[in-house]
Amino acid sequence: MSPAEGVRRLALADLETLSALEQAASPDPWTQDQLRAALSDPDTRVLGIEREGGLIGHAVVVRLPFDAELQAILVDGQARRRGLAGRLLTAVIDQAGTWRSERLLLEVRAGNEAALVLYRRAGFGEDGRRRGYYPSCVDGQREDALLMSLPLA
């Protein structure tokens, strides 16, 4: 199986399922309007991965003038630690390559160790930090955002 196999582009017909996954699995879910806008935007790809007919993960990538930006990647909690985020990330990198983007950009919570391992393993490097960017989900302290990029060209 290729790394991005089983990943497909989602469409407006997937909105309800995508929204349900966001509400169930994200600590800060996108609204249905935000998801609809992403699915409708010609410069955005929403990629999904399914298992047994159900959507269990997705990623959102946007084409910029010279780069692409990974705006979200999410795998249902029951399906984590099975390589699915890696398959989604590979599909995002492939999409950015199809667009001939020079770099793939992202930002991630500094404390999201699982995501940092995934991104570093894929070759992303840290470009900067936004201090106190994210509100805390736990203790009221704000969390830094790490800015990362992967050269593609």
N, C-alpha and C. Protein backbone atom coordinates (compact mmCIF):
# COMPACT_ATOMS: atom_id res chain seq x y z
N MET A 1 0.84 -1.17 0.00
CA MET A 1 0.00 0.00 0.00
C MET A 1 0.89 1.24 0.00
N SER A 2 0.66 2.17 -0.93
CA SER A 2 1.44 3.41 -0.95
C SER A 2 1.05 4.26 0.25
N PRO A 3 1.96 5.16 0.70
CA PRO A 3 1.69 5.93 1.91
C PRO A 3 0.39 6.74 1.87
N ALA A 4 0.01 7.25 0.71
CA ALA A 4 -1.20 8.08 0.62
C ALA A 4 -2.41 7.30 0.14
N GLU A 5 -2.27 5.98 -0.03
CA GLU A 5 -3.38 5.17 -0.51
C GLU A 5 -4.53 5.22 0.49
N GLY A 6 -5.74 5.24 -0.05
CA GLY A 6 -6.92 5.30 0.80
C GLY A 6 -7.32 6.71 1.18
N VAL A 7 -6.55 7.69 0.74
CA VAL A 7 -6.87 9.10 0.98
C VAL A 7 -7.56 9.63 -0.27
N ARG A 8 -8.66 10.34 -0.07
CA ARG A 8 -9.37 10.91 -1.21
C ARG A 8 -9.75 12.35 -0.93
N ARG A 9 -9.98 13.08 -2.00
CA ARG A 9 -10.46 14.45 -1.87
C ARG A 9 -11.92 14.43 -1.44
N LEU A 10 -12.23 15.19 -0.41
CA LEU A 10 -13.60 15.29 0.05
C LEU A 10 -14.34 16.38 -0.73
N ALA A 11 -15.66 16.26 -0.78
CA ALA A 11 -16.51 17.19 -1.52
C ALA A 11 -17.65 17.65 -0.61
N LEU A 12 -18.46 18.56 -1.13
CA LEU A 12 -19.58 19.07 -0.34
C LEU A 12 -20.50 17.95 0.14
N ALA A 13 -20.59 16.87 -0.60
CA ALA A 13 -21.42 15.73 -0.18
C ALA A 13 -20.90 15.10 1.12
N ASP A 14 -19.65 15.37 1.47
CA ASP A 14 -19.05 14.83 2.69
C ASP A 14 -19.18 15.77 3.89
N LEU A 15 -19.84 16.91 3.71
CA LEU A 15 -19.88 17.94 4.75
C LEU A 15 -20.40 17.43 6.09
N GLU A 16 -21.49 16.72 6.10
CA GLU A 16 -22.08 16.26 7.37
C GLU A 16 -21.13 15.32 8.11
N THR A 17 -20.54 14.39 7.39
CA THR A 17 -19.62 13.44 8.00
C THR A 17 -18.36 14.14 8.49
N LEU A 18 -17.85 15.07 7.69
CA LEU A 18 -16.67 15.84 8.07
C LEU A 18 -16.95 16.68 9.31
N SER A 19 -18.09 17.32 9.35
CA SER A 19 -18.47 18.13 10.50
C SER A 19 -18.60 17.27 11.76
N ALA A 20 -19.19 16.10 11.63
CA ALA A 20 -19.33 15.19 12.77
C ALA A 20 -17.97 14.77 13.31
N LEU A 21 -17.01 14.47 12.41
CA LEU A 21 -15.66 14.11 12.84
C LEU A 21 -15.01 15.27 13.59
N GLU A 22 -15.13 16.48 13.06
CA GLU A 22 -14.58 17.67 13.72
C GLU A 22 -15.15 17.83 15.12
N GLN A 23 -16.46 17.72 15.24
CA GLN A 23 -17.10 17.92 16.54
C GLN A 23 -16.68 16.84 17.54
N ALA A 24 -16.49 15.62 17.07
CA ALA A 24 -16.17 14.51 17.95
C ALA A 24 -14.70 14.46 18.34
N ALA A 25 -13.80 14.89 17.45
CA ALA A 25 -12.38 14.60 17.66
C ALA A 25 -11.50 15.82 17.87
N SER A 26 -12.01 17.02 17.63
CA SER A 26 -11.15 18.21 17.73
C SER A 26 -11.46 19.00 19.00
N PRO A 27 -10.42 19.43 19.72
CA PRO A 27 -10.67 20.27 20.89
C PRO A 27 -11.15 21.68 20.50
N ASP A 28 -10.89 22.07 19.26
CA ASP A 28 -11.30 23.38 18.75
C ASP A 28 -11.84 23.18 17.33
N PRO A 29 -13.04 22.60 17.22
CA PRO A 29 -13.54 22.19 15.90
C PRO A 29 -13.87 23.36 14.98
N TRP A 30 -13.66 23.11 13.69
CA TRP A 30 -14.09 24.06 12.67
C TRP A 30 -15.62 24.02 12.64
N THR A 31 -16.22 25.16 12.32
CA THR A 31 -17.67 25.21 12.17
C THR A 31 -18.06 24.60 10.83
N GLN A 32 -19.34 24.28 10.71
CA GLN A 32 -19.83 23.74 9.45
C GLN A 32 -19.64 24.76 8.32
N ASP A 33 -19.79 26.05 8.61
CA ASP A 33 -19.58 27.09 7.60
C ASP A 33 -18.12 27.13 7.16
N GLN A 34 -17.20 26.99 8.10
CA GLN A 34 -15.77 26.98 7.75
C GLN A 34 -15.45 25.76 6.88
N LEU A 35 -16.00 24.62 7.24
CA LEU A 35 -15.76 23.40 6.46
C LEU A 35 -16.38 23.53 5.07
N ARG A 36 -17.58 24.07 4.97
CA ARG A 36 -18.23 24.27 3.68
C ARG A 36 -17.37 25.19 2.79
N ALA A 37 -16.85 26.26 3.38
CA ALA A 37 -16.00 27.19 2.62
C ALA A 37 -14.75 26.48 2.12
N ALA A 38 -14.14 25.66 2.96
CA ALA A 38 -12.93 24.92 2.55
C ALA A 38 -13.25 23.94 1.42
N LEU A 39 -14.36 23.23 1.54
CA LEU A 39 -14.74 22.26 0.51
C LEU A 39 -15.08 22.94 -0.81
N SER A 40 -15.52 24.19 -0.76
CA SER A 40 -15.96 24.91 -1.96
C SER A 40 -14.85 25.73 -2.62
N ASP A 41 -13.78 25.98 -1.91
CA ASP A 41 -12.71 26.86 -2.40
C ASP A 41 -11.83 26.12 -3.42
N PRO A 42 -11.68 26.67 -4.63
CA PRO A 42 -10.85 25.98 -5.64
C PRO A 42 -9.37 25.91 -5.28
N ASP A 43 -8.91 26.74 -4.34
CA ASP A 43 -7.50 26.71 -3.93
C ASP A 43 -7.29 25.94 -2.64
N THR A 44 -8.29 25.18 -2.22
CA THR A 44 -8.19 24.39 -1.01
C THR A 44 -8.54 22.94 -1.32
N ARG A 45 -7.80 22.03 -0.71
CA ARG A 45 -8.14 20.61 -0.80
C ARG A 45 -8.39 20.10 0.61
N VAL A 46 -9.52 19.44 0.77
CA VAL A 46 -9.82 18.74 2.01
C VAL A 46 -9.70 17.27 1.66
N LEU A 47 -8.74 16.62 2.29
CA LEU A 47 -8.45 15.22 2.01
C LEU A 47 -8.93 14.38 3.19
N GLY A 48 -9.54 13.26 2.89
CA GLY A 48 -10.07 12.41 3.95
C GLY A 48 -9.58 10.98 3.84
N ILE A 49 -9.62 10.29 4.96
CA ILE A 49 -9.26 8.88 5.01
C ILE A 49 -10.39 8.17 5.73
N GLU A 50 -10.79 7.03 5.17
CA GLU A 50 -11.94 6.30 5.71
C GLU A 50 -11.52 4.89 6.11
N ARG A 51 -12.29 4.35 7.01
CA ARG A 51 -12.14 2.95 7.39
C ARG A 51 -13.54 2.40 7.63
N GLU A 52 -13.81 1.27 7.00
CA GLU A 52 -15.11 0.62 7.12
C GLU A 52 -16.26 1.59 6.84
N GLY A 53 -16.07 2.39 5.79
CA GLY A 53 -17.12 3.29 5.34
C GLY A 53 -17.29 4.56 6.13
N GLY A 54 -16.49 4.76 7.18
CA GLY A 54 -16.63 5.98 7.97
C GLY A 54 -15.39 6.85 7.88
N LEU A 55 -15.58 8.14 7.88
CA LEU A 55 -14.48 9.10 7.84
C LEU A 55 -13.79 9.10 9.20
N ILE A 56 -12.48 8.84 9.22
CA ILE A 56 -11.75 8.78 10.49
C ILE A 56 -10.61 9.78 10.57
N GLY A 57 -10.39 10.52 9.48
CA GLY A 57 -9.35 11.54 9.50
C GLY A 57 -9.46 12.45 8.30
N HIS A 58 -8.90 13.65 8.46
CA HIS A 58 -8.90 14.58 7.33
C HIS A 58 -7.75 15.57 7.48
N ALA A 59 -7.42 16.21 6.37
CA ALA A 59 -6.42 17.27 6.35
C ALA A 59 -6.91 18.35 5.40
N VAL A 60 -6.56 19.60 5.72
CA VAL A 60 -6.92 20.74 4.89
C VAL A 60 -5.64 21.44 4.46
N VAL A 61 -5.46 21.59 3.15
CA VAL A 61 -4.28 22.27 2.62
C VAL A 61 -4.74 23.34 1.63
N VAL A 62 -4.09 24.50 1.68
CA VAL A 62 -4.46 25.65 0.86
C VAL A 62 -3.29 26.04 -0.03
N ARG A 63 -3.62 26.34 -1.30
CA ARG A 63 -2.60 26.83 -2.23
C ARG A 63 -2.46 28.34 -2.03
N LEU A 64 -1.21 28.78 -1.84
CA LEU A 64 -0.86 30.19 -1.73
C LEU A 64 -0.08 30.57 -2.98
N PRO A 65 0.26 31.85 -3.17
CA PRO A 65 0.96 32.22 -4.41
C PRO A 65 2.24 31.41 -4.71
N PHE A 66 3.07 31.14 -3.72
CA PHE A 66 4.30 30.38 -3.96
C PHE A 66 4.40 29.14 -3.10
N ASP A 67 3.62 29.08 -2.05
CA ASP A 67 3.69 28.00 -1.07
C ASP A 67 2.33 27.34 -0.94
N ALA A 68 2.27 26.34 -0.10
CA ALA A 68 1.01 25.72 0.32
C ALA A 68 1.05 25.71 1.84
N GLU A 69 -0.14 25.73 2.46
CA GLU A 69 -0.21 25.73 3.91
C GLU A 69 -1.13 24.62 4.40
N LEU A 70 -0.60 23.79 5.28
CA LEU A 70 -1.41 22.79 5.96
C LEU A 70 -2.15 23.52 7.07
N GLN A 71 -3.47 23.59 6.94
CA GLN A 71 -4.26 24.32 7.93
C GLN A 71 -4.81 23.42 9.01
N ALA A 72 -4.98 22.16 8.72
CA ALA A 72 -5.52 21.24 9.73
C ALA A 72 -5.19 19.81 9.35
N ILE A 73 -4.99 19.01 10.36
CA ILE A 73 -4.89 17.56 10.18
C ILE A 73 -5.46 16.94 11.45
N LEU A 74 -6.33 15.97 11.28
CA LEU A 74 -7.06 15.40 12.41
C LEU A 74 -7.35 13.93 12.15
N VAL A 75 -7.10 13.12 13.16
CA VAL A 75 -7.47 11.70 13.12
C VAL A 75 -8.30 11.42 14.37
N ASP A 76 -9.39 10.70 14.19
CA ASP A 76 -10.26 10.33 15.31
C ASP A 76 -9.44 9.64 16.39
N GLY A 77 -9.75 9.95 17.64
CA GLY A 77 -8.99 9.41 18.77
C GLY A 77 -8.91 7.90 18.80
N GLN A 78 -9.95 7.20 18.37
CA GLN A 78 -9.96 5.74 18.37
C GLN A 78 -9.07 5.14 17.27
N ALA A 79 -8.68 5.98 16.30
CA ALA A 79 -7.90 5.48 15.16
C ALA A 79 -6.45 5.97 15.16
N ARG A 80 -6.04 6.64 16.22
CA ARG A 80 -4.68 7.19 16.27
C ARG A 80 -3.65 6.10 16.49
N ARG A 81 -2.40 6.46 16.19
CA ARG A 81 -1.24 5.59 16.37
C ARG A 81 -1.26 4.40 15.42
N ARG A 82 -1.82 4.63 14.22
CA ARG A 82 -1.87 3.59 13.19
C ARG A 82 -1.28 4.08 11.87
N GLY A 83 -0.60 5.22 11.89
CA GLY A 83 0.01 5.75 10.68
C GLY A 83 -0.91 6.55 9.78
N LEU A 84 -2.13 6.81 10.23
CA LEU A 84 -3.09 7.50 9.37
C LEU A 84 -2.73 8.98 9.17
N ALA A 85 -2.25 9.64 10.21
CA ALA A 85 -1.83 11.03 10.06
C ALA A 85 -0.67 11.12 9.07
N GLY A 86 0.22 10.15 9.11
CA GLY A 86 1.33 10.11 8.16
C GLY A 86 0.85 9.95 6.74
N ARG A 87 -0.17 9.12 6.53
CA ARG A 87 -0.73 8.95 5.19
C ARG A 87 -1.41 10.24 4.73
N LEU A 88 -2.12 10.90 5.62
CA LEU A 88 -2.73 12.18 5.26
C LEU A 88 -1.66 13.22 4.92
N LEU A 89 -0.60 13.27 5.74
CA LEU A 89 0.48 14.23 5.49
C LEU A 89 1.15 13.95 4.15
N THR A 90 1.37 12.69 3.83
CA THR A 90 1.95 12.34 2.52
C THR A 90 1.05 12.83 1.39
N ALA A 91 -0.25 12.68 1.53
CA ALA A 91 -1.19 13.15 0.51
C ALA A 91 -1.14 14.68 0.40
N VAL A 92 -0.99 15.36 1.52
CA VAL A 92 -0.88 16.83 1.51
C VAL A 92 0.39 17.25 0.79
N ILE A 93 1.50 16.59 1.10
CA ILE A 93 2.78 16.90 0.43
C ILE A 93 2.65 16.64 -1.07
N ASP A 94 2.02 15.53 -1.44
CA ASP A 94 1.80 15.24 -2.86
C ASP A 94 0.97 16.34 -3.52
N GLN A 95 -0.08 16.80 -2.83
CA GLN A 95 -0.93 17.85 -3.39
C GLN A 95 -0.14 19.14 -3.58
N ALA A 96 0.65 19.51 -2.59
CA ALA A 96 1.47 20.72 -2.70
C ALA A 96 2.46 20.59 -3.86
N GLY A 97 3.00 19.40 -4.06
CA GLY A 97 3.88 19.16 -5.20
C GLY A 97 3.15 19.30 -6.53
N THR A 98 1.92 18.81 -6.58
CA THR A 98 1.10 18.95 -7.79
C THR A 98 0.88 20.42 -8.12
N TRP A 99 0.71 21.23 -7.08
CA TRP A 99 0.55 22.68 -7.29
C TRP A 99 1.88 23.36 -7.61
N ARG A 100 2.98 22.64 -7.51
CA ARG A 100 4.33 23.17 -7.72
C ARG A 100 4.69 24.23 -6.68
N SER A 101 4.21 24.02 -5.49
CA SER A 101 4.53 24.92 -4.38
C SER A 101 6.01 24.79 -4.03
N GLU A 102 6.60 25.90 -3.61
CA GLU A 102 8.00 25.89 -3.22
C GLU A 102 8.21 25.30 -1.83
N ARG A 103 7.24 25.55 -0.93
CA ARG A 103 7.32 25.05 0.44
C ARG A 103 5.92 24.68 0.92
N LEU A 104 5.89 23.80 1.91
CA LEU A 104 4.66 23.51 2.63
C LEU A 104 4.83 24.08 4.02
N LEU A 105 3.94 24.96 4.41
CA LEU A 105 4.00 25.65 5.69
C LEU A 105 2.96 25.08 6.65
N LEU A 106 3.23 25.23 7.94
CA LEU A 106 2.24 24.87 8.96
C LEU A 106 2.61 25.55 10.26
N GLU A 107 1.64 25.58 11.16
CA GLU A 107 1.91 25.98 12.54
C GLU A 107 1.28 24.93 13.44
N VAL A 108 1.92 24.72 14.58
CA VAL A 108 1.50 23.65 15.48
C VAL A 108 1.73 24.11 16.92
N ARG A 109 0.88 23.64 17.82
CA ARG A 109 1.09 23.93 19.24
C ARG A 109 2.45 23.37 19.67
N ALA A 110 3.21 24.16 20.39
CA ALA A 110 4.54 23.74 20.83
C ALA A 110 4.48 22.48 21.69
N GLY A 111 3.39 22.25 22.38
CA GLY A 111 3.27 21.09 23.24
C GLY A 111 2.68 19.85 22.58
N ASN A 112 2.39 19.92 21.29
CA ASN A 112 1.80 18.78 20.59
C ASN A 112 2.92 17.85 20.12
N GLU A 113 3.42 17.04 21.04
CA GLU A 113 4.59 16.20 20.77
C GLU A 113 4.35 15.21 19.63
N ALA A 114 3.17 14.60 19.58
CA ALA A 114 2.90 13.62 18.53
C ALA A 114 2.97 14.28 17.15
N ALA A 115 2.41 15.47 17.03
CA ALA A 115 2.45 16.18 15.75
C ALA A 115 3.88 16.59 15.41
N LEU A 116 4.63 17.06 16.40
CA LEU A 116 6.01 17.47 16.14
C LEU A 116 6.86 16.30 15.65
N VAL A 117 6.66 15.13 16.23
CA VAL A 117 7.39 13.94 15.76
C VAL A 117 7.02 13.65 14.32
N LEU A 118 5.73 13.68 14.00
CA LEU A 118 5.26 13.44 12.63
C LEU A 118 5.89 14.42 11.65
N TYR A 119 5.83 15.71 11.97
CA TYR A 119 6.34 16.73 11.05
C TYR A 119 7.86 16.66 10.91
N ARG A 120 8.56 16.47 12.00
CA ARG A 120 10.02 16.38 11.91
C ARG A 120 10.45 15.15 11.13
N ARG A 121 9.76 14.04 11.33
CA ARG A 121 10.06 12.81 10.60
C ARG A 121 9.86 13.02 9.10
N ALA A 122 8.90 13.87 8.73
CA ALA A 122 8.62 14.15 7.32
C ALA A 122 9.60 15.17 6.73
N GLY A 123 10.47 15.76 7.56
CA GLY A 123 11.47 16.69 7.06
C GLY A 123 11.19 18.15 7.32
N PHE A 124 10.15 18.46 8.06
CA PHE A 124 9.85 19.86 8.38
C PHE A 124 10.88 20.40 9.36
N GLY A 125 11.22 21.66 9.16
CA GLY A 125 12.11 22.36 10.08
C GLY A 125 11.38 23.52 10.72
N GLU A 126 11.84 23.92 11.89
CA GLU A 126 11.23 25.03 12.61
C GLU A 126 11.75 26.36 12.07
N ASP A 127 10.81 27.26 11.74
CA ASP A 127 11.17 28.57 11.18
C ASP A 127 10.99 29.69 12.19
N GLY A 128 10.19 29.49 13.20
CA GLY A 128 9.92 30.56 14.16
C GLY A 128 8.90 30.11 15.18
N ARG A 129 8.55 31.07 16.03
CA ARG A 129 7.64 30.79 17.15
C ARG A 129 6.77 32.02 17.37
N ARG A 130 5.49 31.78 17.59
CA ARG A 130 4.57 32.84 18.01
C ARG A 130 4.29 32.61 19.49
N ARG A 131 4.84 33.45 20.31
CA ARG A 131 4.71 33.28 21.77
C ARG A 131 3.27 33.53 22.21
N GLY A 132 2.75 32.62 23.02
CA GLY A 132 1.42 32.78 23.59
C GLY A 132 0.30 32.84 22.58
N TYR A 133 0.47 32.20 21.45
CA TYR A 133 -0.50 32.30 20.35
C TYR A 133 -1.81 31.57 20.63
N TYR A 134 -1.73 30.37 21.18
CA TYR A 134 -2.92 29.55 21.40
C TYR A 134 -3.42 29.71 22.83
N PRO A 135 -4.75 29.84 22.99
CA PRO A 135 -5.28 29.78 24.35
C PRO A 135 -5.14 28.35 24.87
N SER A 136 -4.97 28.22 26.15
CA SER A 136 -4.78 26.89 26.73
C SER A 136 -6.10 26.15 26.83
N CYS A 137 -6.03 24.85 26.62
CA CYS A 137 -7.19 23.99 26.81
C CYS A 137 -7.25 23.48 28.24
N VAL A 138 -6.16 23.66 29.02
CA VAL A 138 -6.08 22.99 30.30
C VAL A 138 -5.94 23.96 31.48
N ASP A 139 -4.84 24.67 31.55
CA ASP A 139 -4.48 25.39 32.78
C ASP A 139 -4.58 26.91 32.69
N GLY A 140 -5.15 27.44 31.63
CA GLY A 140 -5.29 28.89 31.51
C GLY A 140 -4.06 29.59 30.96
N GLN A 141 -2.94 28.89 30.85
CA GLN A 141 -1.73 29.46 30.27
C GLN A 141 -1.80 29.38 28.76
N ARG A 142 -1.35 30.43 28.08
CA ARG A 142 -1.33 30.40 26.62
C ARG A 142 -0.14 29.56 26.15
N GLU A 143 -0.26 29.00 24.96
CA GLU A 143 0.76 28.11 24.43
C GLU A 143 1.35 28.69 23.15
N ASP A 144 2.65 28.50 22.96
CA ASP A 144 3.32 28.98 21.76
C ASP A 144 2.91 28.17 20.54
N ALA A 145 2.96 28.82 19.39
CA ALA A 145 2.81 28.14 18.10
C ALA A 145 4.18 28.06 17.46
N LEU A 146 4.53 26.89 16.97
CA LEU A 146 5.76 26.73 16.20
C LEU A 146 5.42 26.85 14.73
N LEU A 147 6.19 27.63 14.01
CA LEU A 147 6.05 27.78 12.56
C LEU A 147 7.05 26.85 11.92
N MET A 148 6.57 26.00 11.02
CA MET A 148 7.43 25.00 10.40
C MET A 148 7.23 25.01 8.90
N SER A 149 8.25 24.54 8.18
CA SER A 149 8.11 24.44 6.72
C SER A 149 8.92 23.26 6.21
N LEU A 150 8.48 22.81 5.03
CA LEU A 150 9.14 21.72 4.31
C LEU A 150 9.45 22.24 2.91
N PRO A 151 10.73 22.34 2.53
CA PRO A 151 11.04 22.75 1.15
C PRO A 151 10.58 21.69 0.16
N LEU A 152 9.96 22.13 -0.92
CA LEU A 152 9.46 21.19 -1.93
C LEU A 152 10.14 21.38 -3.28
N ALA A 153 10.74 22.53 -3.50
CA ALA A 153 11.36 22.79 -4.80
C ALA A 153 12.85 22.97 -4.67
